[in-house]
Amino acid sequence: MQQILQYLIQYADTLLERYRDPYHGTPLFFDGCDTFTGKPVIWKNTDGTPWEPSNIASQQNLFRFLTGLTALTGKPQYRQAAKDAITWHFEHADKSGLIRWGGHSFLDLKTLQAVGPENKNMLHELKHHCPFYELMYETNPTATRRLIKAIWNSHVSNWDNLEMSRHGEYGKTFDEHNFWNKPQHEGLEPLREMKGLSFINIGNDLIFSAGMLYKLDQDQEALSWAEFLMRQYVNSRYPGTKLGCYQYNRPAKTGDAPTDEHHPQYTFSFWGDRAQRQFGPEYGDVAKEAWVLFKMDEEALNGPEGIYGDCALTQTLLARELGDKGQQLLTWTTEGLEAWIHYAYDPASNEIKPMFADGKDLTGHHIPRYGYYGHKGTPFTRRPLPPHVFLACVTNWVETRSEILWPAICAMAKHFELGDWGPSSPQVELNTNANETLLLLAVLEMHRATQSQSYLNLAKKLGDNIFNRSANRGVFTTSKDHIHCRFDDIEPLVLLSLIAASENQQTQIPAYRSRGGYIHGDMMMPDGSCKNTMDIKAIYSRQK
């Protein structure tokens, strides 16, 4: 453990010394670097303009790591560096209190100008980010209160029916003191038709932000709105199975769809529910966007993993933070996870069955016609269960001891080469080659719950594997052959969490919540071609 800690300290020192703004003297960090040249990472716009990204939305795990490192070492400069960056953003917030953030907008550190691919640099986007509100509040409580309300104000366009969008406008002012004083209309129709798309990955962040405002500031009205918003998703689950939902509305139809499949707007939501258009004749009323529980494209952001992985983890951890006040959120989350495990998880193969929310297995079916979800003839296939869903299940079990989740968790653990688990006497696999970072967090959750030395021993083995894979050239990369270090990748935070658990100081390390930082848009690749990427990680994944 001491070798890993020294490496983490050296890594943090490198970031503070070499990867803060060298042009203007601000405390802002770059998002990453080329580990062979040492230069900051570049996002090249489609016109060839090079941008050096600094996106605070893609630095929240970096800030958690720096804060935890101060807690373990007693050296204040690490936490202070994160607080200084947060302070700069608060001081440069727009008139509403929003800071430059998200998938469509970031700072070019060389010019300090806000930029963004596809000319979307004036859009605020928040999806699965789960910001480090605790440190924001410690840095400036007033600005944090205002920021959370500004986020809701920007993304919720109609409070009467909770119409929302993942895209928010900057500069929308509001009455901060009476902000939450709006009627909550009970009995809203599930899957009501309205503008916008109430994707759960934006709703999840709104719920998290309001819940944290209660945790940090005892704002009871904020918690009430968090529960009210969560209830919209729960009420829109499929009757009978409790599966879903990805959104609680149907997109409003504003016209007739183009008849030409090659039309650039053919798959847009302007023409009504895209799942019903593509699958309705064969699958009937269940074919709705809200009730899609399959993922046809590895690059796509939608899919059941969003509901039962990222969101389930966030809501379980928020419930843990809120204690008695979080029990309703926890109950809803557990009911959803248990339903999905019952219908969708195959413990024999550790795979997810493709389905709509009625629970019928679509394995072997084919897409009947071209549309938003893929090309005609594409088969529905089962997909390997990803580690972040495993982490969500384990974390929820730690809080609930769900008898439905536990057999599935044991099957998952065996497939991930973690051994034969049992809550009191697990037979862990200490010769495992597993090195996925989220698996280590799941094992640390089991150690937290049971205090079993076996789980801690397994965690240390995983930590060694992860360190050997990712600690390269003084920084962290996906492998030794990968070029770039992304400063928000979670290996440093998770390895620090392992060290803290080994010293019985795990509560000193900020909790991991999300790997949500990304940039979405067209970028110029090294060969001069342009590629639309949903994730800035694409520029970090090129191998040497």
Protein backbone atom coordinates (compact mmCIF):
# COMPACT_ATOMS: atom_id res chain seq x y z
CA MET A 1 0.00 0.00 0.00
CA GLN A 2 2.84 2.41 0.75
CA GLN A 3 4.21 2.11 -2.79
CA ILE A 4 0.80 2.96 -4.24
CA LEU A 5 0.36 5.90 -1.88
CA GLN A 6 3.73 7.35 -2.83
CA TYR A 7 2.85 7.02 -6.51
CA LEU A 8 -0.47 8.78 -5.90
CA ILE A 9 1.29 11.63 -4.10
CA GLN A 10 3.80 11.99 -6.93
CA TYR A 11 0.96 11.94 -9.47
CA ALA A 12 -0.93 14.67 -7.64
CA ASP A 13 2.22 16.77 -7.36
CA THR A 14 2.74 16.42 -11.11
CA LEU A 15 -0.77 17.67 -11.83
CA LEU A 16 -0.38 20.67 -9.54
CA GLU A 17 3.04 21.57 -10.92
CA ARG A 18 2.56 20.95 -14.64
CA TYR A 19 -1.11 20.83 -15.57
CA ARG A 20 -2.68 24.02 -14.29
CA ASP A 21 -3.17 27.07 -16.48
CA PRO A 22 0.30 28.18 -17.68
CA TYR A 23 -1.07 30.96 -19.89
CA HIS A 24 -3.08 33.20 -17.56
CA GLY A 25 -2.14 32.09 -14.05
CA THR A 26 -5.63 30.85 -13.20
CA PRO A 27 -6.01 27.78 -10.92
CA LEU A 28 -7.77 25.82 -13.68
CA PHE A 29 -6.67 22.31 -14.65
CA PHE A 30 -6.32 20.81 -18.08
CA ASP A 31 -8.48 17.73 -18.66
CA GLY A 32 -5.58 15.45 -19.55
CA CYS A 33 -2.21 15.04 -21.20
CA ASP A 34 -0.19 13.08 -23.74
CA THR A 35 1.91 10.84 -21.52
CA PHE A 36 4.74 10.58 -24.04
CA THR A 37 5.17 14.29 -24.82
CA GLY A 38 3.77 15.74 -21.60
CA LYS A 39 1.65 18.20 -23.57
CA PRO A 40 -1.98 18.94 -22.67
CA VAL A 41 -4.56 16.97 -24.59
CA ILE A 42 -6.02 18.66 -27.67
CA TRP A 43 -9.57 18.67 -28.99
CA LYS A 44 -9.30 19.72 -32.64
CA ASN A 45 -12.45 21.31 -33.99
CA THR A 46 -13.69 20.33 -37.45
CA ASP A 47 -12.20 23.52 -38.91
CA GLY A 48 -8.80 22.50 -37.56
CA THR A 49 -8.81 24.87 -34.58
CA PRO A 50 -7.02 23.23 -31.65
CA TRP A 51 -8.63 23.62 -28.24
CA GLU A 52 -7.00 22.67 -24.93
CA PRO A 53 -10.00 21.54 -22.88
CA SER A 54 -10.62 22.49 -19.29
CA ASN A 55 -14.08 21.23 -18.39
CA ILE A 56 -14.89 21.25 -14.69
CA ALA A 57 -17.61 18.71 -15.44
CA SER A 58 -14.81 16.31 -16.36
CA GLN A 59 -12.80 17.01 -13.20
CA GLN A 60 -15.13 15.99 -10.38
CA ASN A 61 -13.36 12.71 -9.66
CA LEU A 62 -10.04 14.53 -9.84
CA PHE A 63 -11.29 16.89 -7.14
CA ARG A 64 -12.52 13.97 -5.04
CA PHE A 65 -9.09 12.36 -5.33
CA LEU A 66 -7.27 15.55 -4.35
CA THR A 67 -9.59 16.08 -1.39
CA GLY A 68 -9.09 12.50 -0.22
CA LEU A 69 -5.34 12.78 -0.58
CA THR A 70 -5.31 15.77 1.74
CA ALA A 71 -7.39 13.81 4.24
CA LEU A 72 -4.93 10.88 4.23
CA THR A 73 -1.67 12.84 4.12
CA GLY A 74 -2.58 15.95 6.06
CA LYS A 75 -1.12 18.10 3.27
CA PRO A 76 -3.61 20.90 2.49
CA GLN A 77 -2.40 21.86 -0.99
CA TYR A 78 -4.31 19.13 -2.78
CA ARG A 79 -7.78 20.00 -1.50
CA GLN A 80 -6.94 23.68 -1.80
CA ALA A 81 -6.08 23.29 -5.48
CA ALA A 82 -9.53 21.83 -6.13
CA LYS A 83 -11.21 24.57 -4.09
CA ASP A 84 -9.28 27.26 -5.96
CA ALA A 85 -10.55 25.92 -9.29
CA ILE A 86 -14.11 25.83 -7.96
CA THR A 87 -13.75 29.40 -6.66
CA TRP A 88 -12.65 30.60 -10.10
CA HIS A 89 -15.71 29.06 -11.71
CA PHE A 90 -18.05 30.55 -9.12
CA GLU A 91 -16.47 33.96 -9.66
CA HIS A 92 -17.05 33.60 -13.41
CA ALA A 93 -20.57 32.19 -13.25
CA ASP A 94 -23.23 33.70 -15.46
CA LYS A 95 -25.94 35.97 -14.05
CA SER A 96 -28.07 32.96 -13.12
CA GLY A 97 -25.31 31.26 -11.16
CA LEU A 98 -24.56 28.57 -13.76
CA ILE A 99 -20.93 27.71 -14.44
CA ARG A 100 -19.53 26.58 -17.79
CA TRP A 101 -20.28 22.88 -17.80
CA GLY A 102 -20.93 19.67 -19.65
CA GLY A 103 -21.00 17.83 -22.90
CA HIS A 104 -21.42 20.78 -25.25
CA SER A 105 -19.39 23.51 -23.61
CA PHE A 106 -15.96 23.86 -22.05
CA LEU A 107 -13.10 26.31 -21.68
CA ASP A 108 -10.20 26.42 -24.09
CA LEU A 109 -7.50 26.97 -21.51
CA LYS A 110 -5.19 28.66 -23.98
CA THR A 111 -7.69 31.47 -24.62
CA LEU A 112 -9.97 31.13 -21.58
CA GLN A 113 -12.87 31.31 -24.02
CA ALA A 114 -15.94 29.11 -23.85
CA VAL A 115 -16.00 26.82 -26.87
CA GLY A 116 -17.91 23.78 -27.99
CA PRO A 117 -18.21 21.43 -30.94
CA GLU A 118 -21.14 21.80 -33.33
CA ASN A 119 -21.68 25.43 -32.26
CA LYS A 120 -23.39 24.26 -29.07
CA ASN A 121 -21.13 26.16 -26.72
CA MET A 122 -24.02 28.10 -25.22
CA LEU A 123 -25.79 24.97 -23.99
CA HIS A 124 -25.54 23.62 -20.46
CA GLU A 125 -25.71 19.84 -20.24
CA LEU A 126 -25.82 17.71 -17.12
CA LYS A 127 -26.10 13.91 -17.41
CA HIS A 128 -24.76 11.37 -14.91
CA HIS A 129 -22.24 13.91 -13.62
CA CYS A 130 -23.12 13.88 -9.89
CA PRO A 131 -20.94 16.93 -9.09
CA PHE A 132 -18.82 17.13 -5.96
CA TYR A 133 -21.32 19.39 -4.23
CA GLU A 134 -19.78 18.73 -0.83
CA LEU A 135 -16.57 20.51 -1.79
CA MET A 136 -18.47 23.21 -3.67
CA TYR A 137 -20.50 23.91 -0.52
CA GLU A 138 -17.37 23.93 1.64
CA THR A 139 -15.84 26.42 -0.79
CA ASN A 140 -18.86 28.74 -1.16
CA PRO A 141 -22.24 27.76 0.32
CA THR A 142 -24.09 30.70 -1.21
CA ALA A 143 -22.84 30.01 -4.71
CA THR A 144 -23.61 26.29 -4.37
CA ARG A 145 -27.21 26.93 -3.31
CA ARG A 146 -27.61 29.25 -6.27
CA LEU A 147 -25.94 26.82 -8.68
CA ILE A 148 -28.27 23.93 -7.82
CA LYS A 149 -31.35 26.11 -8.22
CA ALA A 150 -29.95 27.53 -11.47
CA ILE A 151 -29.50 23.98 -12.81
CA TRP A 152 -33.14 23.13 -12.08
CA ASN A 153 -34.28 26.47 -13.49
CA SER A 154 -32.27 25.90 -16.66
CA HIS A 155 -33.39 22.35 -17.36
CA VAL A 156 -37.02 22.33 -16.17
CA SER A 157 -39.05 24.36 -18.66
CA ASN A 158 -42.55 23.70 -17.29
CA TRP A 159 -43.02 23.10 -13.58
CA ASP A 160 -46.69 22.19 -13.92
CA ASN A 161 -45.94 18.96 -15.79
CA LEU A 162 -42.15 18.74 -15.16
CA GLU A 163 -41.26 19.20 -18.79
CA MET A 164 -37.49 19.14 -19.03
CA SER A 165 -34.55 18.88 -21.39
CA ARG A 166 -30.98 17.71 -21.13
CA HIS A 167 -30.04 21.01 -22.76
CA GLY A 168 -30.24 24.07 -20.54
CA GLU A 169 -29.95 27.75 -21.33
CA TYR A 170 -27.44 30.00 -19.64
CA GLY A 171 -28.55 33.32 -18.17
CA LYS A 172 -32.09 32.44 -17.02
CA THR A 173 -32.68 34.42 -13.82
CA PHE A 174 -35.06 33.39 -11.02
CA ASP A 175 -36.25 34.28 -7.53
CA GLU A 176 -33.70 32.48 -5.42
CA HIS A 177 -35.48 32.96 -2.10
CA ASN A 178 -38.84 31.57 -3.24
CA PHE A 179 -37.48 29.22 -5.84
CA TRP A 180 -39.10 25.96 -4.70
CA ASN A 181 -42.42 27.63 -3.88
CA LYS A 182 -44.29 26.06 -6.79
CA PRO A 183 -47.26 23.69 -6.74
CA GLN A 184 -46.59 19.98 -7.12
CA HIS A 185 -49.45 18.60 -9.19
CA GLU A 186 -50.31 15.13 -7.97
CA GLY A 187 -51.86 12.68 -10.38
CA LEU A 188 -49.84 13.68 -13.41
CA GLU A 189 -50.43 11.18 -16.21
CA PRO A 190 -47.61 8.65 -16.60
CA LEU A 191 -45.97 8.83 -20.01
CA ARG A 192 -47.78 12.08 -20.79
CA GLU A 193 -47.09 13.70 -24.13
CA MET A 194 -45.02 16.85 -23.84
CA LYS A 195 -42.09 18.67 -25.32
CA GLY A 196 -38.57 17.62 -24.44
CA LEU A 197 -37.30 14.24 -23.34
CA SER A 198 -37.21 13.51 -19.63
CA PHE A 199 -34.23 11.18 -19.88
CA ILE A 200 -33.44 9.57 -16.55
CA ASN A 201 -29.79 10.51 -16.86
CA ILE A 202 -30.69 14.21 -16.52
CA GLY A 203 -33.47 13.53 -14.00
CA ASN A 204 -30.99 11.54 -11.94
CA ASP A 205 -28.69 14.55 -11.67
CA LEU A 206 -31.55 16.86 -10.73
CA ILE A 207 -32.70 14.45 -8.02
CA PHE A 208 -29.14 14.15 -6.75
CA SER A 209 -28.58 17.90 -6.67
CA ALA A 210 -31.79 18.64 -4.76
CA GLY A 211 -31.13 15.78 -2.35
CA MET A 212 -27.64 17.06 -1.68
CA LEU A 213 -29.00 20.57 -1.11
CA TYR A 214 -31.08 19.09 1.69
CA LYS A 215 -28.08 17.17 3.02
CA LEU A 216 -25.81 20.22 2.96
CA ASP A 217 -28.24 23.04 3.66
CA GLN A 218 -31.28 21.40 5.30
CA ASP A 219 -33.47 22.63 2.43
CA GLN A 220 -36.61 20.56 3.00
CA GLU A 221 -38.35 21.95 -0.09
CA ALA A 222 -35.46 20.80 -2.28
CA LEU A 223 -35.81 17.26 -0.94
CA SER A 224 -39.54 17.38 -1.59
CA TRP A 225 -38.89 18.22 -5.24
CA ALA A 226 -36.28 15.47 -5.50
CA GLU A 227 -38.87 12.93 -4.36
CA PHE A 228 -41.58 14.43 -6.58
CA LEU A 229 -39.34 14.14 -9.63
CA MET A 230 -38.31 10.59 -8.77
CA ARG A 231 -41.99 9.68 -8.40
CA GLN A 232 -42.57 10.59 -12.04
CA TYR A 233 -40.19 7.83 -13.13
CA VAL A 234 -41.61 5.33 -10.65
CA ASN A 235 -45.20 6.02 -11.70
CA SER A 236 -44.22 5.43 -15.33
CA ARG A 237 -42.84 1.95 -14.77
CA TYR A 238 -44.59 -0.79 -16.71
CA PRO A 239 -47.66 -2.06 -14.83
CA GLY A 240 -47.20 -5.60 -13.60
CA THR A 241 -43.42 -5.84 -13.91
CA LYS A 242 -42.23 -2.53 -12.33
CA LEU A 243 -39.63 -2.34 -15.11
CA GLY A 244 -38.41 0.98 -16.57
CA CYS A 245 -38.53 3.72 -17.21
CA TYR A 246 -35.97 5.65 -19.24
CA GLN A 247 -38.20 8.73 -19.46
CA TYR A 248 -41.59 9.60 -18.00
CA ASN A 249 -43.02 11.29 -21.09
CA ARG A 250 -43.79 10.58 -24.71
CA PRO A 251 -42.27 13.10 -27.10
CA ALA A 252 -44.89 15.46 -28.49
CA LYS A 253 -45.58 14.95 -32.18
CA THR A 254 -45.17 18.22 -34.06
CA GLY A 255 -45.61 16.89 -37.59
CA ASP A 256 -45.37 13.92 -39.90
CA ALA A 257 -42.03 12.16 -40.17
CA PRO A 258 -40.13 12.27 -43.47
CA THR A 259 -40.87 9.27 -45.65
CA ASP A 260 -37.28 9.03 -46.86
CA GLU A 261 -35.17 6.99 -44.43
CA HIS A 262 -32.09 8.90 -45.57
CA HIS A 263 -33.53 12.25 -44.48
CA PRO A 264 -31.21 13.71 -41.77
CA GLN A 265 -34.16 14.22 -39.42
CA TYR A 266 -35.82 10.85 -40.01
CA THR A 267 -35.06 9.55 -36.50
CA PHE A 268 -35.76 12.80 -34.63
CA SER A 269 -38.28 12.90 -31.78
CA PHE A 270 -40.31 15.70 -33.41
CA TRP A 271 -42.47 13.07 -35.09
CA GLY A 272 -43.59 11.32 -31.92
CA ASP A 273 -42.43 8.30 -29.94
CA ARG A 274 -39.53 6.76 -31.86
CA ALA A 275 -39.90 3.27 -30.41
CA GLN A 276 -43.60 3.16 -31.31
CA ARG A 277 -42.80 4.26 -34.86
CA GLN A 278 -40.15 1.58 -35.26
CA PHE A 279 -41.62 -1.35 -33.31
CA GLY A 280 -45.31 -0.60 -32.72
CA PRO A 281 -46.82 -2.76 -35.49
CA GLU A 282 -45.07 -5.87 -34.15
CA TYR A 283 -44.90 -5.27 -30.38
CA GLY A 284 -47.90 -3.07 -29.66
CA ASP A 285 -48.38 -0.58 -26.87
CA VAL A 286 -45.28 -1.62 -24.89
CA ALA A 287 -43.09 -0.28 -27.71
CA LYS A 288 -42.42 3.12 -26.18
CA GLU A 289 -39.16 4.97 -25.70
CA ALA A 290 -39.75 4.94 -21.95
CA TRP A 291 -39.99 1.16 -21.90
CA VAL A 292 -37.02 0.26 -24.08
CA LEU A 293 -34.72 -2.01 -22.07
CA PHE A 294 -32.19 -2.94 -24.70
CA LYS A 295 -29.08 -1.32 -26.08
CA MET A 296 -28.28 -1.92 -29.74
CA ASP A 297 -25.17 0.25 -30.00
CA GLU A 298 -22.16 0.04 -27.68
CA GLU A 299 -21.61 3.78 -28.11
CA ALA A 300 -25.19 4.72 -27.25
CA LEU A 301 -25.83 6.41 -23.92
CA ASN A 302 -29.32 5.00 -23.49
CA GLY A 303 -30.11 1.53 -22.30
CA PRO A 304 -31.01 -0.39 -19.16
CA GLU A 305 -27.52 0.07 -17.75
CA GLY A 306 -28.32 3.75 -17.29
CA ILE A 307 -31.39 3.00 -15.19
CA TYR A 308 -30.01 0.05 -13.24
CA GLY A 309 -26.35 1.04 -13.15
CA ASP A 310 -25.54 4.74 -12.97
CA CYS A 311 -28.91 5.91 -11.63
CA ALA A 312 -29.42 3.05 -9.20
CA LEU A 313 -25.97 3.64 -7.74
CA THR A 314 -26.54 7.39 -7.42
CA GLN A 315 -29.92 6.98 -5.75
CA THR A 316 -28.68 4.29 -3.35
CA LEU A 317 -25.72 6.42 -2.30
CA LEU A 318 -27.95 9.48 -1.93
CA ALA A 319 -30.30 7.48 0.26
CA ARG A 320 -27.30 6.46 2.38
CA GLU A 321 -26.35 10.14 2.76
CA LEU A 322 -29.88 11.15 3.72
CA GLY A 323 -30.49 8.42 6.30
CA ASP A 324 -34.13 8.24 7.36
CA LYS A 325 -35.00 10.98 4.87
CA GLY A 326 -33.71 8.81 2.04
CA GLN A 327 -35.79 5.70 2.71
CA GLN A 328 -38.39 6.44 0.05
CA LEU A 329 -35.69 6.89 -2.60
CA LEU A 330 -34.04 3.67 -1.46
CA THR A 331 -37.30 1.70 -1.57
CA TRP A 332 -38.09 2.85 -5.10
CA THR A 333 -34.57 2.08 -6.29
CA THR A 334 -34.55 -1.39 -4.71
CA GLU A 335 -37.93 -2.28 -6.22
CA GLY A 336 -36.63 -1.35 -9.66
CA LEU A 337 -33.39 -3.29 -9.30
CA GLU A 338 -35.15 -6.38 -7.98
CA ALA A 339 -37.61 -6.34 -10.88
CA TRP A 340 -34.85 -6.00 -13.45
CA ILE A 341 -32.76 -8.77 -11.92
CA HIS A 342 -35.83 -11.03 -11.98
CA TYR A 343 -36.67 -10.44 -15.64
CA ALA A 344 -33.46 -9.40 -17.38
CA TYR A 345 -30.46 -11.02 -15.72
CA ASP A 346 -29.25 -14.48 -16.78
CA PRO A 347 -27.06 -15.79 -13.92
CA ALA A 348 -25.80 -18.72 -15.99
CA SER A 349 -24.11 -16.48 -18.56
CA ASN A 350 -23.87 -13.15 -16.68
CA GLU A 351 -25.74 -11.52 -19.54
CA ILE A 352 -28.56 -8.99 -19.91
CA LYS A 353 -31.60 -10.03 -21.92
CA PRO A 354 -32.91 -7.48 -24.41
CA MET A 355 -36.54 -6.59 -23.76
CA PHE A 356 -39.24 -4.01 -23.50
CA ALA A 357 -40.54 -3.32 -20.02
CA ASP A 358 -43.15 -6.10 -20.23
CA GLY A 359 -40.29 -8.48 -19.48
CA LYS A 360 -40.46 -10.65 -22.61
CA ASP A 361 -37.05 -11.82 -23.81
CA LEU A 362 -36.32 -10.49 -27.32
CA THR A 363 -33.17 -12.54 -27.83
CA GLY A 364 -33.12 -13.71 -31.46
CA HIS A 365 -35.68 -11.18 -32.68
CA HIS A 366 -34.65 -8.69 -35.38
CA ILE A 367 -35.38 -5.01 -35.83
CA PRO A 368 -38.34 -4.91 -38.23
CA ARG A 369 -37.57 -1.56 -39.90
CA TYR A 370 -35.03 1.25 -39.86
CA GLY A 371 -35.33 3.85 -37.12
CA TYR A 372 -33.75 5.47 -34.09
CA TYR A 373 -32.75 2.13 -32.57
CA GLY A 374 -30.92 0.72 -35.57
CA HIS A 375 -31.15 -0.78 -39.03
CA LYS A 376 -33.68 -3.28 -40.28
CA GLY A 377 -32.60 -6.85 -39.66
CA THR A 378 -30.24 -6.07 -36.78
CA PRO A 379 -30.61 -8.91 -34.24
CA PHE A 380 -31.47 -8.36 -30.60
CA THR A 381 -28.61 -9.92 -28.66
CA ARG A 382 -27.73 -10.42 -25.04
CA ARG A 383 -24.93 -8.27 -23.66
CA PRO A 384 -22.43 -8.98 -20.89
CA LEU A 385 -23.40 -7.43 -17.59
CA PRO A 386 -21.11 -4.40 -17.07
CA PRO A 387 -19.22 -3.81 -13.82
CA HIS A 388 -21.09 -0.61 -12.96
CA VAL A 389 -24.37 -2.54 -12.74
CA PHE A 390 -22.66 -5.04 -10.45
CA LEU A 391 -21.48 -2.16 -8.26
CA ALA A 392 -25.01 -0.73 -8.12
CA CYS A 393 -26.44 -4.09 -7.06
CA VAL A 394 -23.79 -4.66 -4.40
CA THR A 395 -24.16 -1.14 -2.98
CA ASN A 396 -27.93 -1.50 -2.84
CA TRP A 397 -27.61 -4.88 -1.10
CA VAL A 398 -25.30 -3.33 1.49
CA GLU A 399 -28.09 -0.87 2.35
CA THR A 400 -31.06 -3.26 2.10
CA ARG A 401 -29.86 -6.88 2.40
CA SER A 402 -32.26 -7.70 -0.43
CA GLU A 403 -32.84 -11.45 -0.65
CA ILE A 404 -33.63 -11.10 -4.35
CA LEU A 405 -30.39 -9.31 -5.20
CA TRP A 406 -28.03 -11.52 -3.22
CA PRO A 407 -28.11 -14.71 -5.39
CA ALA A 408 -27.60 -12.58 -8.49
CA ILE A 409 -24.68 -10.76 -6.86
CA CYS A 410 -23.02 -14.08 -6.04
CA ALA A 411 -23.44 -15.22 -9.66
CA MET A 412 -21.99 -11.94 -10.92
CA ALA A 413 -19.04 -12.18 -8.54
CA LYS A 414 -18.18 -15.66 -9.78
CA HIS A 415 -18.33 -14.56 -13.43
CA PHE A 416 -16.07 -11.59 -12.65
CA GLU A 417 -13.47 -14.00 -11.17
CA LEU A 418 -14.02 -12.78 -7.61
CA GLY A 419 -14.78 -16.15 -6.02
CA ASP A 420 -17.71 -17.79 -4.25
CA TRP A 421 -19.20 -15.14 -2.02
CA GLY A 422 -21.05 -15.39 1.22
CA PRO A 423 -21.86 -12.56 3.62
CA SER A 424 -20.00 -14.16 6.52
CA SER A 425 -17.42 -16.54 5.01
CA PRO A 426 -16.73 -15.73 1.36
CA GLN A 427 -14.37 -17.95 -0.61
CA VAL A 428 -12.68 -15.16 -2.52
CA GLU A 429 -10.42 -15.67 -5.54
CA LEU A 430 -7.03 -14.26 -4.60
CA ASN A 431 -5.45 -15.41 -7.87
CA THR A 432 -7.83 -13.38 -9.98
CA ASN A 433 -6.60 -11.45 -12.99
CA ALA A 434 -9.53 -9.05 -12.80
CA ASN A 435 -8.42 -5.42 -13.01
CA GLU A 436 -11.61 -3.42 -13.66
CA THR A 437 -11.68 -0.52 -11.24
CA LEU A 438 -15.38 -0.66 -10.35
CA LEU A 439 -15.00 -4.27 -9.21
CA LEU A 440 -12.67 -3.02 -6.50
CA LEU A 441 -15.29 -0.54 -5.33
CA ALA A 442 -17.85 -3.35 -5.14
CA VAL A 443 -15.49 -5.46 -3.02
CA LEU A 444 -14.84 -2.47 -0.74
CA GLU A 445 -18.60 -2.15 -0.30
CA MET A 446 -18.72 -5.78 0.83
CA HIS A 447 -15.88 -5.15 3.26
CA ARG A 448 -17.75 -2.09 4.53
CA ALA A 449 -20.84 -4.22 5.16
CA THR A 450 -19.22 -7.31 6.66
CA GLN A 451 -15.79 -6.23 7.93
CA SER A 452 -14.59 -9.56 6.58
CA GLN A 453 -10.81 -9.73 6.12
CA SER A 454 -11.41 -11.94 3.09
CA TYR A 455 -13.00 -9.08 1.20
CA LEU A 456 -10.19 -6.73 2.17
CA ASN A 457 -7.62 -9.27 0.96
CA LEU A 458 -9.48 -9.54 -2.35
CA ALA A 459 -9.61 -5.75 -2.59
CA LYS A 460 -5.84 -5.57 -2.15
CA LYS A 461 -5.33 -8.13 -4.92
CA LEU A 462 -7.58 -6.14 -7.24
CA GLY A 463 -5.73 -2.98 -6.24
CA ASP A 464 -2.42 -4.53 -7.25
CA ASN A 465 -3.89 -5.62 -10.59
CA ILE A 466 -5.34 -2.18 -11.27
CA PHE A 467 -2.15 -0.41 -10.28
CA ASN A 468 -0.04 -2.68 -12.50
CA ARG A 469 -2.36 -2.04 -15.44
CA SER A 470 -2.87 1.69 -15.11
CA ALA A 471 0.16 3.26 -13.38
CA ASN A 472 2.34 4.19 -16.33
CA ARG A 473 4.95 6.92 -16.87
CA GLY A 474 4.17 8.62 -13.59
CA VAL A 475 0.46 9.04 -14.36
CA PHE A 476 -2.53 6.77 -15.06
CA THR A 477 -3.57 5.35 -18.43
CA THR A 478 -5.93 2.60 -19.55
CA SER A 479 -2.89 0.44 -20.30
CA LYS A 480 0.82 0.91 -20.84
CA ASP A 481 0.24 1.25 -24.58
CA HIS A 482 -2.36 4.01 -24.33
CA ILE A 483 -1.13 7.51 -25.06
CA HIS A 484 -3.26 9.79 -22.95
CA CYS A 485 -3.96 10.31 -19.28
CA ARG A 486 -7.45 11.56 -18.50
CA PHE A 487 -7.23 13.33 -15.15
CA ASP A 488 -10.82 12.46 -14.20
CA ASP A 489 -10.38 8.70 -14.61
CA ILE A 490 -11.17 6.98 -11.35
CA GLU A 491 -8.14 4.77 -10.69
CA PRO A 492 -6.45 7.31 -8.38
CA LEU A 493 -9.63 7.85 -6.33
CA VAL A 494 -10.38 4.14 -6.05
CA LEU A 495 -6.82 3.18 -5.12
CA LEU A 496 -6.88 5.89 -2.47
CA SER A 497 -10.14 4.41 -1.19
CA LEU A 498 -8.40 1.03 -0.89
CA ILE A 499 -5.55 2.52 1.11
CA ALA A 500 -8.01 4.26 3.42
CA ALA A 501 -9.98 1.04 3.96
CA SER A 502 -6.76 -0.77 4.82
CA GLU A 503 -6.15 1.83 7.51
CA ASN A 504 -9.78 1.93 8.69
CA GLN A 505 -10.14 5.49 7.39
CA GLN A 506 -12.52 4.87 4.51
CA THR A 507 -14.91 7.61 5.64
CA GLN A 508 -12.15 10.15 4.95
CA ILE A 509 -12.34 9.60 1.18
CA PRO A 510 -15.11 11.20 -0.91
CA ALA A 511 -17.47 8.62 -2.36
CA TYR A 512 -17.25 7.67 -6.01
CA ARG A 513 -20.55 8.45 -7.72
CA SER A 514 -20.11 8.66 -11.48
CA ARG A 515 -17.79 8.57 -14.48
CA GLY A 516 -19.99 11.09 -16.22
CA GLY A 517 -17.57 13.66 -17.67
CA TYR A 518 -17.73 13.81 -21.45
CA ILE A 519 -17.81 16.09 -24.49
CA HIS A 520 -20.17 15.41 -27.39
CA GLY A 521 -19.60 16.61 -30.92
CA ASP A 522 -17.60 16.39 -34.11
CA MET A 523 -13.83 16.46 -33.80
CA MET A 524 -11.01 16.21 -36.31
CA MET A 525 -9.02 13.02 -36.00
CA PRO A 526 -5.22 12.76 -36.56
CA ASP A 527 -5.74 11.58 -40.16
CA GLY A 528 -7.83 14.68 -40.96
CA SER A 529 -11.17 12.88 -40.93
CA CYS A 530 -13.98 14.08 -38.69
CA LYS A 531 -15.75 11.87 -36.21
CA ASN A 532 -18.79 12.46 -34.04
CA THR A 533 -18.00 11.21 -30.58
CA MET A 534 -20.22 11.04 -27.53
CA ASP A 535 -17.26 11.17 -25.22
CA ILE A 536 -14.02 13.09 -24.90
CA LYS A 537 -12.56 9.78 -23.76
CA ALA A 538 -12.27 8.95 -27.45
CA ILE A 539 -9.19 11.13 -27.65
CA TYR A 540 -7.71 9.29 -24.70
CA SER A 541 -8.28 5.81 -26.09
CA ARG A 542 -5.86 5.90 -29.00
CA GLN A 543 -3.10 3.42 -28.48
CA LYS A 544 0.54 3.93 -29.31
